[in-house]
Each structure stands twice: as C-alpha cells, then as structure tokens.
Amino acid sequence: MQGADRTTRQRIADHLRGEAMQAGSLATEFEITTESALAHVKHIAQSLDGNADERLLVAPPECHDCGFSAFDDPANRPSRCPECKSESLEEPVFKIE
C-alpha cells in the first residue's frame, strides 16, 4: 500500500518500525495533537498484543531533576514528577521491534 492509502495509525506504526520517537515528535510529524498521537500509540500496542513477531517498546518518561522513571503508566505523558513535583519531564519514547 502507498502512504496515501494508509491511515494515520498505520503510518505511525510504520514510522515506529523504523525509528524510536516521542509522542510530541509523532504529533509534529503527522500534524496531530500529542494526545491523539498517544491514543494512536496505545491502540497500536493493543493491536500488536497478539502478534508474536512484533511488540511495542516503551522507554518511560523520566524526571530531569531527580531521575524518577517508575511511573504507573509508562506510555502516559505525566504533567509533573510524583517524587519532586518538577514539571521538567522527558516524554516516553516508543519503538516497534
């Protein structure tokens, strides 16, 4: 299938097969909101759940100030760190392998 024939979700999945990206970068690349990009990634993860050949890898968000990275939902984009309350957080990074 050509790129124009594929849905945004399919194109995001194809992109994540090639390189790791943050939700904000996906949003910019595909001209959608960051929340929409996160929703697409979560759906892609569900779609891959039964696929033994591929899986979605997630590098969880990390606090720039204290290094905390044990967030309850690693695919979420938290607004601040639960440990130090800093708002300086690195977004989660997604990749399909």
PDB file of N, CA and C in Angstrom:
ATOM      1  N   MET A   1       0.832  -1.197   0.000  1.00  0.00           N
ATOM      2  CA  MET A   1       0.000   0.000   0.000  1.00  0.00           C
ATOM      3  C   MET A   1       0.869   1.250   0.000  1.00  0.00           C
ATOM      4  N   GLN A   2       0.441   2.228  -0.702  1.00  0.00           N
ATOM      5  CA  GLN A   2       1.139   3.502  -0.722  1.00  0.00           C
ATOM      6  C   GLN A   2       0.796   4.309   0.522  1.00  0.00           C
ATOM      7  N   GLY A   3       1.602   5.298   0.861  1.00  0.00           N
ATOM      8  CA  GLY A   3       1.391   6.128   2.041  1.00  0.00           C
ATOM      9  C   GLY A   3       0.038   6.817   2.077  1.00  0.00           C
ATOM     10  N   ALA A   4      -0.448   7.264   0.914  1.00  0.00           N
ATOM     11  CA  ALA A   4      -1.730   7.975   0.864  1.00  0.00           C
ATOM     12  C   ALA A   4      -2.904   7.045   1.146  1.00  0.00           C
ATOM     13  N   ASP A   5      -2.735   5.757   0.938  1.00  0.00           N
ATOM     14  CA  ASP A   5      -3.802   4.791   1.148  1.00  0.00           C
ATOM     15  C   ASP A   5      -3.871   4.301   2.593  1.00  0.00           C
ATOM     16  N   ARG A   6      -2.914   4.667   3.399  1.00  0.00           N
ATOM     17  CA  ARG A   6      -2.820   4.155   4.768  1.00  0.00           C
ATOM     18  C   ARG A   6      -3.382   5.164   5.755  1.00  0.00           C
ATOM     19  N   THR A   7      -3.955   4.653   6.840  1.00  0.00           N
ATOM     20  CA  THR A   7      -4.484   5.534   7.877  1.00  0.00           C
ATOM     21  C   THR A   7      -3.337   6.168   8.654  1.00  0.00           C
ATOM     22  N   THR A   8      -3.661   7.194   9.410  1.00  0.00           N
ATOM     23  CA  THR A   8      -2.644   7.834  10.251  1.00  0.00           C
ATOM     24  C   THR A   8      -2.039   6.811  11.202  1.00  0.00           C
ATOM     25  N   ARG A   9      -2.871   5.972  11.789  1.00  0.00           N
ATOM     26  CA  ARG A   9      -2.382   4.958  12.735  1.00  0.00           C
ATOM     27  C   ARG A   9      -1.424   3.988  12.048  1.00  0.00           C
ATOM     28  N   GLN A  10      -1.741   3.570  10.837  1.00  0.00           N
ATOM     29  CA  GLN A  10      -0.856   2.668  10.098  1.00  0.00           C
ATOM     30  C   GLN A  10       0.467   3.352   9.764  1.00  0.00           C
ATOM     31  N   ARG A  11       0.387   4.623   9.388  1.00  0.00           N
ATOM     32  CA  ARG A  11       1.617   5.358   9.061  1.00  0.00           C
ATOM     33  C   ARG A  11       2.469   5.573  10.310  1.00  0.00           C
ATOM     34  N   ILE A  12       1.832   5.814  11.468  1.00  0.00           N
ATOM     35  CA  ILE A  12       2.581   5.952  12.723  1.00  0.00           C
ATOM     36  C   ILE A  12       3.274   4.626  13.048  1.00  0.00           C
ATOM     37  N   ALA A  13       2.545   3.518  12.920  1.00  0.00           N
ATOM     38  CA  ALA A  13       3.139   2.199  13.190  1.00  0.00           C
ATOM     39  C   ALA A  13       4.325   1.946  12.263  1.00  0.00           C
ATOM     40  N   ASP A  14       4.177   2.263  10.990  1.00  0.00           N
ATOM     41  CA  ASP A  14       5.285   2.100  10.044  1.00  0.00           C
ATOM     42  C   ASP A  14       6.483   2.936  10.466  1.00  0.00           C
ATOM     43  N   HIS A  15       6.220   4.159  10.899  1.00  0.00           N
ATOM     44  CA  HIS A  15       7.290   5.065  11.325  1.00  0.00           C
ATOM     45  C   HIS A  15       8.009   4.520  12.554  1.00  0.00           C
ATOM     46  N   LEU A  16       7.232   3.972  13.507  1.00  0.00           N
ATOM     47  CA  LEU A  16       7.829   3.433  14.733  1.00  0.00           C
ATOM     48  C   LEU A  16       8.602   2.138  14.478  1.00  0.00           C
ATOM     49  N   ARG A  17       8.346   1.495  13.375  1.00  0.00           N
ATOM     50  CA  ARG A  17       9.145   0.323  13.000  1.00  0.00           C
ATOM     51  C   ARG A  17      10.532   0.765  12.544  1.00  0.00           C
ATOM     52  N   GLY A  18      10.647   1.981  12.073  1.00  0.00           N
ATOM     53  CA  GLY A  18      11.917   2.485  11.568  1.00  0.00           C
ATOM     54  C   GLY A  18      12.752   3.224  12.596  1.00  0.00           C
ATOM     55  N   GLU A  19      12.094   3.938  13.504  1.00  0.00           N
ATOM     56  CA  GLU A  19      12.843   4.706  14.498  1.00  0.00           C
ATOM     57  C   GLU A  19      12.012   4.956  15.750  1.00  0.00           C
ATOM     58  N   ALA A  20      12.699   5.144  16.850  1.00  0.00           N
ATOM     59  CA  ALA A  20      12.047   5.447  18.124  1.00  0.00           C
ATOM     60  C   ALA A  20      11.672   6.925  18.139  1.00  0.00           C
ATOM     61  N   MET A  21      10.472   7.213  18.658  1.00  0.00           N
ATOM     62  CA  MET A  21      10.005   8.603  18.699  1.00  0.00           C
ATOM     63  C   MET A  21       9.162   8.875  19.919  1.00  0.00           C
ATOM     64  N   GLN A  22       9.156  10.132  20.337  1.00  0.00           N
ATOM     65  CA  GLN A  22       8.290  10.597  21.415  1.00  0.00           C
ATOM     66  C   GLN A  22       6.941  10.980  20.817  1.00  0.00           C
ATOM     67  N   ALA A  23       5.904  11.000  21.663  1.00  0.00           N
ATOM     68  CA  ALA A  23       4.564  11.363  21.202  1.00  0.00           C
ATOM     69  C   ALA A  23       4.541  12.771  20.604  1.00  0.00           C
ATOM     70  N   GLY A  24       5.253  13.697  21.211  1.00  0.00           N
ATOM     71  CA  GLY A  24       5.299  15.064  20.688  1.00  0.00           C
ATOM     72  C   GLY A  24       5.903  15.126  19.290  1.00  0.00           C
ATOM     73  N   SER A  25       6.932  14.323  19.059  1.00  0.00           N
ATOM     74  CA  SER A  25       7.554  14.271  17.731  1.00  0.00           C
ATOM     75  C   SER A  25       6.621  13.634  16.711  1.00  0.00           C
ATOM     76  N   LEU A  26       5.897  12.589  17.139  1.00  0.00           N
ATOM     77  CA  LEU A  26       4.907  11.975  16.247  1.00  0.00           C
ATOM     78  C   LEU A  26       3.814  12.976  15.901  1.00  0.00           C
ATOM     79  N   ALA A  27       3.383  13.751  16.896  1.00  0.00           N
ATOM     80  CA  ALA A  27       2.340  14.753  16.673  1.00  0.00           C
ATOM     81  C   ALA A  27       2.786  15.771  15.623  1.00  0.00           C
ATOM     82  N   THR A  28       4.009  16.213  15.739  1.00  0.00           N
ATOM     83  CA  THR A  28       4.547  17.176  14.773  1.00  0.00           C
ATOM     84  C   THR A  28       4.661  16.548  13.389  1.00  0.00           C
ATOM     85  N   GLU A  29       5.204  15.350  13.331  1.00  0.00           N
ATOM     86  CA  GLU A  29       5.417  14.647  12.069  1.00  0.00           C
ATOM     87  C   GLU A  29       4.111  14.401  11.315  1.00  0.00           C
ATOM     88  N   PHE A  30       3.048  14.033  12.048  1.00  0.00           N
ATOM     89  CA  PHE A  30       1.784  13.668  11.410  1.00  0.00           C
ATOM     90  C   PHE A  30       0.705  14.748  11.530  1.00  0.00           C
ATOM     91  N   GLU A  31       1.092  15.918  12.047  1.00  0.00           N
ATOM     92  CA  GLU A  31       0.199  17.074  12.160  1.00  0.00           C
ATOM     93  C   GLU A  31      -1.086  16.741  12.919  1.00  0.00           C
ATOM     94  N   ILE A  32      -0.899  16.141  14.104  1.00  0.00           N
ATOM     95  CA  ILE A  32      -1.995  15.813  15.011  1.00  0.00           C
ATOM     96  C   ILE A  32      -1.611  16.306  16.402  1.00  0.00           C
ATOM     97  N   THR A  33      -2.540  16.246  17.346  1.00  0.00           N
ATOM     98  CA  THR A  33      -2.214  16.656  18.710  1.00  0.00           C
ATOM     99  C   THR A  33      -1.396  15.559  19.395  1.00  0.00           C
ATOM    100  N   THR A  34      -0.683  15.936  20.432  1.00  0.00           N
ATOM    101  CA  THR A  34       0.092  14.966  21.197  1.00  0.00           C
ATOM    102  C   THR A  34      -0.829  13.934  21.841  1.00  0.00           C
ATOM    103  N   GLU A  35      -1.978  14.373  22.326  1.00  0.00           N
ATOM    104  CA  GLU A  35      -2.936  13.438  22.926  1.00  0.00           C
ATOM    105  C   GLU A  35      -3.421  12.426  21.899  1.00  0.00           C
ATOM    106  N   SER A  36      -3.654  12.885  20.686  1.00  0.00           N
ATOM    107  CA  SER A  36      -4.073  11.985  19.613  1.00  0.00           C
ATOM    108  C   SER A  36      -2.956  11.000  19.275  1.00  0.00           C
ATOM    109  N   ALA A  37      -1.722  11.475  19.251  1.00  0.00           N
ATOM    110  CA  ALA A  37      -0.581  10.590  18.986  1.00  0.00           C
ATOM    111  C   ALA A  37      -0.488   9.511  20.056  1.00  0.00           C
ATOM    112  N   LEU A  38      -0.666   9.888  21.330  1.00  0.00           N
ATOM    113  CA  LEU A  38      -0.643   8.907  22.419  1.00  0.00           C
ATOM    114  C   LEU A  38      -1.776   7.889  22.265  1.00  0.00           C
ATOM    115  N   ALA A  39      -2.953   8.350  21.881  1.00  0.00           N
ATOM    116  CA  ALA A  39      -4.076   7.438  21.681  1.00  0.00           C
ATOM    117  C   ALA A  39      -3.772   6.453  20.549  1.00  0.00           C
ATOM    118  N   HIS A  40      -3.175   6.937  19.471  1.00  0.00           N
ATOM    119  CA  HIS A  40      -2.806   6.060  18.363  1.00  0.00           C
ATOM    120  C   HIS A  40      -1.782   5.019  18.824  1.00  0.00           C
ATOM    121  N   VAL A  41      -0.779   5.457  19.581  1.00  0.00           N
ATOM    122  CA  VAL A  41       0.261   4.539  20.056  1.00  0.00           C
ATOM    123  C   VAL A  41      -0.337   3.473  20.976  1.00  0.00           C
ATOM    124  N   LYS A  42      -1.242   3.871  21.857  1.00  0.00           N
ATOM    125  CA  LYS A  42      -1.879   2.897  22.753  1.00  0.00           C
ATOM    126  C   LYS A  42      -2.695   1.881  21.962  1.00  0.00           C
ATOM    127  N   HIS A  43      -3.375   2.323  20.922  1.00  0.00           N
ATOM    128  CA  HIS A  43      -4.146   1.404  20.089  1.00  0.00           C
ATOM    129  C   HIS A  43      -3.218   0.475  19.313  1.00  0.00           C
ATOM    130  N   ILE A  44      -2.122   1.008  18.832  1.00  0.00           N
ATOM    131  CA  ILE A  44      -1.133   0.189  18.119  1.00  0.00           C
ATOM    132  C   ILE A  44      -0.609  -0.894  19.060  1.00  0.00           C
ATOM    133  N   ALA A  45      -0.352  -0.544  20.314  1.00  0.00           N
ATOM    134  CA  ALA A  45       0.128  -1.521  21.300  1.00  0.00           C
ATOM    135  C   ALA A  45      -0.882  -2.646  21.477  1.00  0.00           C
ATOM    136  N   GLN A  46      -2.164  -2.303  21.540  1.00  0.00           N
ATOM    137  CA  GLN A  46      -3.212  -3.318  21.669  1.00  0.00           C
ATOM    138  C   GLN A  46      -3.263  -4.206  20.429  1.00  0.00           C
ATOM    139  N   SER A  47      -3.092  -3.611  19.267  1.00  0.00           N
ATOM    140  CA  SER A  47      -3.126  -4.370  18.018  1.00  0.00           C
ATOM    141  C   SER A  47      -1.951  -5.342  17.931  1.00  0.00           C
ATOM    142  N   LEU A  48      -0.810  -4.953  18.461  1.00  0.00           N
ATOM    143  CA  LEU A  48       0.382  -5.795  18.419  1.00  0.00           C
ATOM    144  C   LEU A  48       0.395  -6.842  19.516  1.00  0.00           C
ATOM    145  N   ASP A  49      -0.505  -6.717  20.492  1.00  0.00           N
ATOM    146  CA  ASP A  49      -0.502  -7.593  21.665  1.00  0.00           C
ATOM    147  C   ASP A  49      -0.554  -9.071  21.292  1.00  0.00           C
ATOM    148  N   GLY A  50      -1.314  -9.438  20.289  1.00  0.00           N
ATOM    149  CA  GLY A  50      -1.418 -10.832  19.888  1.00  0.00           C
ATOM    150  C   GLY A  50      -0.398 -11.242  18.841  1.00  0.00           C
ATOM    151  N   ASN A  51       0.425 -10.324  18.396  1.00  0.00           N
ATOM    152  CA  ASN A  51       1.410 -10.579  17.356  1.00  0.00           C
ATOM    153  C   ASN A  51       2.727 -11.018  17.984  1.00  0.00           C
ATOM    154  N   ALA A  52       3.128 -12.247  17.748  1.00  0.00           N
ATOM    155  CA  ALA A  52       4.358 -12.766  18.341  1.00  0.00           C
ATOM    156  C   ALA A  52       5.614 -12.186  17.672  1.00  0.00           C
ATOM    157  N   ASP A  53       5.466 -11.644  16.472  1.00  0.00           N
ATOM    158  CA  ASP A  53       6.623 -11.154  15.729  1.00  0.00           C
ATOM    159  C   ASP A  53       7.041  -9.733  16.109  1.00  0.00           C
ATOM    160  N   GLU A  54       6.100  -8.934  16.591  1.00  0.00           N
ATOM    161  CA  GLU A  54       6.391  -7.539  16.899  1.00  0.00           C
ATOM    162  C   GLU A  54       5.860  -7.175  18.280  1.00  0.00           C
ATOM    163  N   ARG A  55       6.494  -6.151  18.853  1.00  0.00           N
ATOM    164  CA  ARG A  55       5.996  -5.611  20.123  1.00  0.00           C
ATOM    165  C   ARG A  55       6.380  -4.143  20.210  1.00  0.00           C
ATOM    166  N   LEU A  56       5.580  -3.415  20.972  1.00  0.00           N
ATOM    167  CA  LEU A  56       5.849  -2.002  21.185  1.00  0.00           C
ATOM    168  C   LEU A  56       6.740  -1.862  22.412  1.00  0.00           C
ATOM    169  N   LEU A  57       7.896  -1.256  22.229  1.00  0.00           N
ATOM    170  CA  LEU A  57       8.804  -0.982  23.341  1.00  0.00           C
ATOM    171  C   LEU A  57       8.582   0.451  23.791  1.00  0.00           C
ATOM    172  N   VAL A  58       8.579   0.663  25.105  1.00  0.00           N
ATOM    173  CA  VAL A  58       8.354   1.996  25.658  1.00  0.00           C
ATOM    174  C   VAL A  58       9.464   2.321  26.645  1.00  0.00           C
ATOM    175  N   ALA A  59      10.170   3.403  26.382  1.00  0.00           N
ATOM    176  CA  ALA A  59      11.104   3.950  27.367  1.00  0.00           C
ATOM    177  C   ALA A  59      10.280   4.952  28.170  1.00  0.00           C
ATOM    178  N   PRO A  60      10.064   4.698  29.467  1.00  0.00           N
ATOM    179  CA  PRO A  60       9.145   5.537  30.241  1.00  0.00           C
ATOM    180  C   PRO A  60       9.632   6.978  30.384  1.00  0.00           C
ATOM    181  N   PRO A  61       8.697   7.864  30.742  1.00  0.00           N
ATOM    182  CA  PRO A  61       9.104   9.256  30.986  1.00  0.00           C
ATOM    183  C   PRO A  61      10.089   9.298  32.146  1.00  0.00           C
ATOM    184  N   GLU A  62      10.901  10.326  32.161  1.00  0.00           N
ATOM    185  CA  GLU A  62      11.894  10.469  33.229  1.00  0.00           C
ATOM    186  C   GLU A  62      11.983  11.925  33.658  1.00  0.00           C
ATOM    187  N   CYS A  63      12.090  12.118  34.966  1.00  0.00           N
ATOM    188  CA  CYS A  63      12.221  13.459  35.519  1.00  0.00           C
ATOM    189  C   CYS A  63      13.646  13.964  35.294  1.00  0.00           C
ATOM    190  N   HIS A  64      13.770  15.167  34.763  1.00  0.00           N
ATOM    191  CA  HIS A  64      15.086  15.759  34.526  1.00  0.00           C
ATOM    192  C   HIS A  64      15.765  16.152  35.837  1.00  0.00           C
ATOM    193  N   ASP A  65      14.968  16.445  36.868  1.00  0.00           N
ATOM    194  CA  ASP A  65      15.542  16.930  38.122  1.00  0.00           C
ATOM    195  C   ASP A  65      16.003  15.815  39.054  1.00  0.00           C
ATOM    196  N   CYS A  66      15.156  14.774  39.255  1.00  0.00           N
ATOM    197  CA  CYS A  66      15.525  13.736  40.228  1.00  0.00           C
ATOM    198  C   CYS A  66      15.750  12.368  39.596  1.00  0.00           C
ATOM    199  N   GLY A  67      15.435  12.209  38.314  1.00  0.00           N
ATOM    200  CA  GLY A  67      15.663  10.951  37.621  1.00  0.00           C
ATOM    201  C   GLY A  67      14.571   9.908  37.794  1.00  0.00           C
ATOM    202  N   PHE A  68      13.478  10.251  38.466  1.00  0.00           N
ATOM    203  CA  PHE A  68      12.381   9.305  38.689  1.00  0.00           C
ATOM    204  C   PHE A  68      11.831   8.825  37.354  1.00  0.00           C
ATOM    205  N   SER A  69      11.636   7.484  37.232  1.00  0.00           N
ATOM    206  CA  SER A  69      11.080   6.939  35.986  1.00  0.00           C
ATOM    207  C   SER A  69      10.114   5.781  36.236  1.00  0.00           C
ATOM    208  N   ALA A  70       9.700   5.566  37.475  1.00  0.00           N
ATOM    209  CA  ALA A  70       8.809   4.443  37.815  1.00  0.00           C
ATOM    210  C   ALA A  70       7.346   4.864  37.771  1.00  0.00           C
ATOM    211  N   PHE A  71       6.933   5.471  36.675  1.00  0.00           N
ATOM    212  CA  PHE A  71       5.554   5.919  36.535  1.00  0.00           C
ATOM    213  C   PHE A  71       4.622   4.719  36.386  1.00  0.00           C
ATOM    214  N   ASP A  72       3.386   4.847  36.873  1.00  0.00           N
ATOM    215  CA  ASP A  72       2.401   3.765  36.812  1.00  0.00           C
ATOM    216  C   ASP A  72       2.108   3.347  35.376  1.00  0.00           C
ATOM    217  N   ASP A  73       1.962   4.313  34.492  1.00  0.00           N
ATOM    218  CA  ASP A  73       1.678   4.041  33.083  1.00  0.00           C
ATOM    219  C   ASP A  73       2.824   4.622  32.260  1.00  0.00           C
ATOM    220  N   PRO A  74       3.774   3.783  31.836  1.00  0.00           N
ATOM    221  CA  PRO A  74       4.938   4.316  31.120  1.00  0.00           C
ATOM    222  C   PRO A  74       4.608   4.943  29.776  1.00  0.00           C
ATOM    223  N   ALA A  75       3.426   4.668  29.229  1.00  0.00           N
ATOM    224  CA  ALA A  75       3.045   5.251  27.945  1.00  0.00           C
ATOM    225  C   ALA A  75       2.287   6.561  28.114  1.00  0.00           C
ATOM    226  N   ASN A  76       2.118   7.007  29.334  1.00  0.00           N
ATOM    227  CA  ASN A  76       1.396   8.239  29.613  1.00  0.00           C
ATOM    228  C   ASN A  76       2.362   9.426  29.588  1.00  0.00           C
ATOM    229  N   ARG A  77       1.815  10.600  29.422  1.00  0.00           N
ATOM    230  CA  ARG A  77       2.637  11.808  29.460  1.00  0.00           C
ATOM    231  C   ARG A  77       2.266  12.579  30.718  1.00  0.00           C
ATOM    232  N   PRO A  78       2.953  12.319  31.841  1.00  0.00           N
ATOM    233  CA  PRO A  78       2.610  12.987  33.100  1.00  0.00           C
ATOM    234  C   PRO A  78       2.933  14.477  33.049  1.00  0.00           C
ATOM    235  N   SER A  79       2.226  15.238  33.869  1.00  0.00           N
ATOM    236  CA  SER A  79       2.465  16.675  33.894  1.00  0.00           C
ATOM    237  C   SER A  79       3.556  17.070  34.877  1.00  0.00           C
ATOM    238  N   ARG A  80       3.750  16.227  35.909  1.00  0.00           N
ATOM    239  CA  ARG A  80       4.843  16.511  36.845  1.00  0.00           C
ATOM    240  C   ARG A  80       5.276  15.233  37.549  1.00  0.00           C
ATOM    241  N   CYS A  81       6.427  15.312  38.153  1.00  0.00           N
ATOM    242  CA  CYS A  81       7.044  14.181  38.841  1.00  0.00           C
ATOM    243  C   CYS A  81       6.352  13.943  40.188  1.00  0.00           C
ATOM    244  N   PRO A  82       5.967  12.698  40.497  1.00  0.00           N
ATOM    245  CA  PRO A  82       5.340  12.424  41.793  1.00  0.00           C
ATOM    246  C   PRO A  82       6.320  12.489  42.962  1.00  0.00           C
ATOM    247  N   GLU A  83       7.608  12.401  42.673  1.00  0.00           N
ATOM    248  CA  GLU A  83       8.623  12.439  43.728  1.00  0.00           C
ATOM    249  C   GLU A  83       8.985  13.869  44.125  1.00  0.00           C
ATOM    250  N   CYS A  84       9.432  14.656  43.145  1.00  0.00           N
ATOM    251  CA  CYS A  84       9.945  16.004  43.458  1.00  0.00           C
ATOM    252  C   CYS A  84       9.017  17.117  42.977  1.00  0.00           C
ATOM    253  N   LYS A  85       7.932  16.762  42.301  1.00  0.00           N
ATOM    254  CA  LYS A  85       6.921  17.706  41.795  1.00  0.00           C
ATOM    255  C   LYS A  85       7.425  18.598  40.658  1.00  0.00           C
ATOM    256  N   SER A  86       8.569  18.274  40.106  1.00  0.00           N
ATOM    257  CA  SER A  86       9.108  19.033  38.983  1.00  0.00           C
ATOM    258  C   SER A  86       8.235  18.824  37.745  1.00  0.00           C
ATOM    259  N   GLU A  87       8.145  19.829  36.910  1.00  0.00           N
ATOM    260  CA  GLU A  87       7.423  19.721  35.653  1.00  0.00           C
ATOM    261  C   GLU A  87       8.378  19.516  34.475  1.00  0.00           C
ATOM    262  N   SER A  88       9.642  19.307  34.782  1.00  0.00           N
ATOM    263  CA  SER A  88      10.655  19.091  33.758  1.00  0.00           C
ATOM    264  C   SER A  88      10.820  17.589  33.519  1.00  0.00           C
ATOM    265  N   LEU A  89       9.985  17.062  32.617  1.00  0.00           N
ATOM    266  CA  LEU A  89       9.964  15.627  32.353  1.00  0.00           C
ATOM    267  C   LEU A  89      10.267  15.334  30.894  1.00  0.00           C
ATOM    268  N   GLU A  90      10.999  14.262  30.679  1.00  0.00           N
ATOM    269  CA  GLU A  90      11.242  13.746  29.334  1.00  0.00           C
ATOM    270  C   GLU A  90      10.033  12.895  28.945  1.00  0.00           C
ATOM    271  N   GLU A  91       9.528  13.052  27.736  1.00  0.00           N
ATOM    272  CA  GLU A  91       8.390  12.266  27.263  1.00  0.00           C
ATOM    273  C   GLU A  91       8.796  10.807  27.077  1.00  0.00           C
ATOM    274  N   PRO A  92       7.819   9.879  27.150  1.00  0.00           N
ATOM    275  CA  PRO A  92       8.156   8.484  26.836  1.00  0.00           C
ATOM    276  C   PRO A  92       8.546   8.349  25.367  1.00  0.00           C
ATOM    277  N   VAL A  93       9.358   7.335  25.073  1.00  0.00           N
ATOM    278  CA  VAL A  93       9.811   7.087  23.712  1.00  0.00           C
ATOM    279  C   VAL A  93       9.274   5.728  23.282  1.00  0.00           C
ATOM    280  N   PHE A  94       8.755   5.650  22.054  1.00  0.00           N
ATOM    281  CA  PHE A  94       8.120   4.442  21.546  1.00  0.00           C
ATOM    282  C   PHE A  94       8.873   3.902  20.335  1.00  0.00           C
ATOM    283  N   LYS A  95       8.886   2.554  20.229  1.00  0.00           N
ATOM    284  CA  LYS A  95       9.526   1.889  19.084  1.00  0.00           C
ATOM    285  C   LYS A  95       8.883   0.523  18.916  1.00  0.00           C
ATOM    286  N   ILE A  96       8.676   0.122  17.667  1.00  0.00           N
ATOM    287  CA  ILE A  96       8.163  -1.219  17.390  1.00  0.00           C
ATOM    288  C   ILE A  96       9.337  -2.073  16.917  1.00  0.00           C
ATOM    289  N   GLU A  97       9.505  -3.215  17.583  1.00  0.00           N
ATOM    290  CA  GLU A  97      10.544  -4.173  17.194  1.00  0.00           C
ATOM    291  C   GLU A  97       9.935  -5.515  16.976  1.00  0.00           C
TER     292      GLU A  97
END
